[in-house]
Amino acid sequence: MRSGQLRQYQITVQSPPGGQDDDGNPRTEWWTVCRPHAKKEDLSGRELFAAQAAQSEVTTRFRIRYRTGLSSKMRLLCDGVIYNIEAVLDRDGRKRELQLMCSSGLNNG
């Protein structure tokens, strides 16, 4: 992937509460893992009624440079929107690019 394509957004990848902070206290908030540059592509969207309220869900793909340690237990933030990471894909297996398949709207982390 060309570096110019990744200038679209800077995202924040967060890990769920768990473990301990630097002082040995249990974590209670999501904490930042990394802040890579990414390309964002909205793939699909839908609206539905749940619990007597209209809600929407959007499926989005974020492309970033390859890095280890990311999983579907994490979430990411982009322009104030919380995205749940559904899958982390290295499509060609060459460790050059990761595709983060995400959803937003129904469950924000």
C-alpha atoms as a PDB file:
ATOM      1  CA  MET A   1       0.000   0.000   0.000  1.00  0.00           C
ATOM      2  CA  ARG A   2       1.260   3.438  -0.851  1.00  0.00           C
ATOM      3  CA  SER A   3       1.842   5.713   2.112  1.00  0.00           C
ATOM      4  CA  GLY A   4      -0.217   8.522   0.551  1.00  0.00           C
ATOM      5  CA  GLN A   5      -3.376   6.401   0.814  1.00  0.00           C
ATOM      6  CA  LEU A   6      -2.968   6.218   4.600  1.00  0.00           C
ATOM      7  CA  ARG A   7      -3.094   9.979   5.093  1.00  0.00           C
ATOM      8  CA  GLN A   8      -6.890   9.980   5.114  1.00  0.00           C
ATOM      9  CA  TYR A   9      -7.384   9.425   8.875  1.00  0.00           C
ATOM     10  CA  GLN A  10      -5.439   8.918  12.069  1.00  0.00           C
ATOM     11  CA  ILE A  11      -7.288   6.366  14.164  1.00  0.00           C
ATOM     12  CA  THR A  12      -6.904   5.303  17.789  1.00  0.00           C
ATOM     13  CA  VAL A  13      -6.915   1.577  18.560  1.00  0.00           C
ATOM     14  CA  GLN A  14      -7.989   0.805  22.136  1.00  0.00           C
ATOM     15  CA  SER A  15      -7.813  -2.298  24.307  1.00  0.00           C
ATOM     16  CA  PRO A  16     -10.618  -3.181  26.770  1.00  0.00           C
ATOM     17  CA  PRO A  17     -10.293  -2.744  30.518  1.00  0.00           C
ATOM     18  CA  GLY A  18      -8.375  -5.520  32.184  1.00  0.00           C
ATOM     19  CA  GLY A  19      -5.016  -6.133  33.701  1.00  0.00           C
ATOM     20  CA  GLN A  20      -3.195  -3.484  35.682  1.00  0.00           C
ATOM     21  CA  ASP A  21      -1.870  -0.012  35.025  1.00  0.00           C
ATOM     22  CA  ASP A  22       1.723   1.061  35.729  1.00  0.00           C
ATOM     23  CA  ASP A  23       0.926   1.563  39.422  1.00  0.00           C
ATOM     24  CA  GLY A  24      -0.570  -1.922  39.847  1.00  0.00           C
ATOM     25  CA  ASN A  25      -4.199  -0.771  40.030  1.00  0.00           C
ATOM     26  CA  PRO A  26      -6.875  -2.609  38.004  1.00  0.00           C
ATOM     27  CA  ARG A  27      -7.783  -0.870  34.745  1.00  0.00           C
ATOM     28  CA  THR A  28     -11.351   0.386  34.485  1.00  0.00           C
ATOM     29  CA  GLU A  29     -11.202   2.285  31.185  1.00  0.00           C
ATOM     30  CA  TRP A  30     -10.253   1.456  27.600  1.00  0.00           C
ATOM     31  CA  TRP A  31      -6.592   2.299  26.983  1.00  0.00           C
ATOM     32  CA  THR A  32      -4.794   3.336  23.806  1.00  0.00           C
ATOM     33  CA  VAL A  33      -2.688   0.683  22.063  1.00  0.00           C
ATOM     34  CA  CYS A  34      -1.602   2.681  18.993  1.00  0.00           C
ATOM     35  CA  ARG A  35      -2.547   5.621  16.748  1.00  0.00           C
ATOM     36  CA  PRO A  36      -1.838   4.542  13.152  1.00  0.00           C
ATOM     37  CA  HIS A  37      -2.755   6.367   9.965  1.00  0.00           C
ATOM     38  CA  ALA A  38      -5.482   4.617   7.998  1.00  0.00           C
ATOM     39  CA  LYS A  39      -7.628   4.534   4.905  1.00  0.00           C
ATOM     40  CA  LYS A  40     -11.361   4.268   5.667  1.00  0.00           C
ATOM     41  CA  GLU A  41     -13.902   2.567   3.395  1.00  0.00           C
ATOM     42  CA  ASP A  42     -17.594   2.297   4.315  1.00  0.00           C
ATOM     43  CA  LEU A  43     -18.805  -1.033   2.934  1.00  0.00           C
ATOM     44  CA  SER A  44     -22.480  -1.295   3.939  1.00  0.00           C
ATOM     45  CA  GLY A  45     -25.126   0.123   6.198  1.00  0.00           C
ATOM     46  CA  ARG A  46     -28.569  -0.707   7.470  1.00  0.00           C
ATOM     47  CA  GLU A  47     -31.272   0.736   9.662  1.00  0.00           C
ATOM     48  CA  LEU A  48     -33.501  -1.250  11.975  1.00  0.00           C
ATOM     49  CA  PHE A  49     -35.891  -0.913  14.864  1.00  0.00           C
ATOM     50  CA  ALA A  50     -34.751  -2.392  18.170  1.00  0.00           C
ATOM     51  CA  ALA A  51     -36.345  -1.740  21.546  1.00  0.00           C
ATOM     52  CA  GLN A  52     -38.828   0.724  20.013  1.00  0.00           C
ATOM     53  CA  ALA A  53     -36.040   2.932  18.628  1.00  0.00           C
ATOM     54  CA  ALA A  54     -34.525   3.354  15.189  1.00  0.00           C
ATOM     55  CA  GLN A  55     -30.878   2.355  15.061  1.00  0.00           C
ATOM     56  CA  SER A  56     -28.338   2.072  12.307  1.00  0.00           C
ATOM     57  CA  GLU A  57     -25.282  -0.101  11.756  1.00  0.00           C
ATOM     58  CA  VAL A  58     -22.411   0.619   9.381  1.00  0.00           C
ATOM     59  CA  THR A  59     -19.742  -1.858   8.297  1.00  0.00           C
ATOM     60  CA  THR A  60     -16.394  -0.183   7.630  1.00  0.00           C
ATOM     61  CA  ARG A  61     -12.946  -1.369   6.573  1.00  0.00           C
ATOM     62  CA  PHE A  62      -9.841   0.425   7.816  1.00  0.00           C
ATOM     63  CA  ARG A  63      -6.517  -0.317   6.115  1.00  0.00           C
ATOM     64  CA  ILE A  64      -3.333   0.251   8.115  1.00  0.00           C
ATOM     65  CA  ARG A  65       0.311  -0.778   7.872  1.00  0.00           C
ATOM     66  CA  TYR A  66       0.987  -4.233   9.295  1.00  0.00           C
ATOM     67  CA  ARG A  67       1.576  -4.490  13.027  1.00  0.00           C
ATOM     68  CA  THR A  68       1.312  -7.267  15.565  1.00  0.00           C
ATOM     69  CA  GLY A  69      -0.867  -7.392  18.660  1.00  0.00           C
ATOM     70  CA  LEU A  70      -4.230  -6.255  17.276  1.00  0.00           C
ATOM     71  CA  SER A  71      -7.325  -8.415  17.850  1.00  0.00           C
ATOM     72  CA  SER A  72     -11.099  -8.441  17.522  1.00  0.00           C
ATOM     73  CA  LYS A  73     -11.400  -7.763  21.278  1.00  0.00           C
ATOM     74  CA  MET A  74     -10.289  -4.190  20.636  1.00  0.00           C
ATOM     75  CA  ARG A  75     -12.101  -1.144  19.289  1.00  0.00           C
ATOM     76  CA  LEU A  76     -11.053   1.931  17.385  1.00  0.00           C
ATOM     77  CA  LEU A  77     -11.981   5.597  17.331  1.00  0.00           C
ATOM     78  CA  CYS A  78     -12.173   7.684  14.184  1.00  0.00           C
ATOM     79  CA  ASP A  79     -13.592  11.211  14.032  1.00  0.00           C
ATOM     80  CA  GLY A  80     -15.417  10.751  17.346  1.00  0.00           C
ATOM     81  CA  VAL A  81     -17.115   7.498  16.280  1.00  0.00           C
ATOM     82  CA  ILE A  82     -16.465   4.219  18.118  1.00  0.00           C
ATOM     83  CA  TYR A  83     -15.998   1.164  15.889  1.00  0.00           C
ATOM     84  CA  ASN A  84     -15.972  -2.432  17.161  1.00  0.00           C
ATOM     85  CA  ILE A  85     -13.235  -4.465  15.458  1.00  0.00           C
ATOM     86  CA  GLU A  86     -14.914  -7.591  14.068  1.00  0.00           C
ATOM     87  CA  ALA A  87     -11.844  -9.091  12.331  1.00  0.00           C
ATOM     88  CA  VAL A  88      -8.162  -8.336  11.756  1.00  0.00           C
ATOM     89  CA  LEU A  89      -7.081  -9.588   8.313  1.00  0.00           C
ATOM     90  CA  ASP A  90      -3.695  -9.931   6.611  1.00  0.00           C
ATOM     91  CA  ARG A  91      -5.265 -10.729   3.220  1.00  0.00           C
ATOM     92  CA  ASP A  92      -2.163 -11.615   1.223  1.00  0.00           C
ATOM     93  CA  GLY A  93      -0.111 -12.980   4.145  1.00  0.00           C
ATOM     94  CA  ARG A  94       2.855 -10.739   3.297  1.00  0.00           C
ATOM     95  CA  LYS A  95       2.759  -8.709   6.544  1.00  0.00           C
ATOM     96  CA  ARG A  96       2.499  -5.398   4.717  1.00  0.00           C
ATOM     97  CA  GLU A  97      -1.062  -4.302   5.433  1.00  0.00           C
ATOM     98  CA  LEU A  98      -3.846  -5.108   7.879  1.00  0.00           C
ATOM     99  CA  GLN A  99      -7.522  -4.724   7.145  1.00  0.00           C
ATOM    100  CA  LEU A 100      -9.604  -4.008  10.210  1.00  0.00           C
ATOM    101  CA  MET A 101     -13.215  -5.005   9.542  1.00  0.00           C
ATOM    102  CA  CYS A 102     -15.369  -2.915  11.877  1.00  0.00           C
ATOM    103  CA  SER A 103     -18.958  -2.111  12.749  1.00  0.00           C
ATOM    104  CA  SER A 104     -20.465   0.962  14.378  1.00  0.00           C
ATOM    105  CA  GLY A 105     -23.865   2.038  15.533  1.00  0.00           C
ATOM    106  CA  LEU A 106     -25.429  -0.789  17.544  1.00  0.00           C
ATOM    107  CA  ASN A 107     -22.795  -1.476  20.176  1.00  0.00           C
ATOM    108  CA  ASN A 108     -20.138   1.083  20.840  1.00  0.00           C
ATOM    109  CA  GLY A 109     -17.464  -0.830  22.684  1.00  0.00           C
END
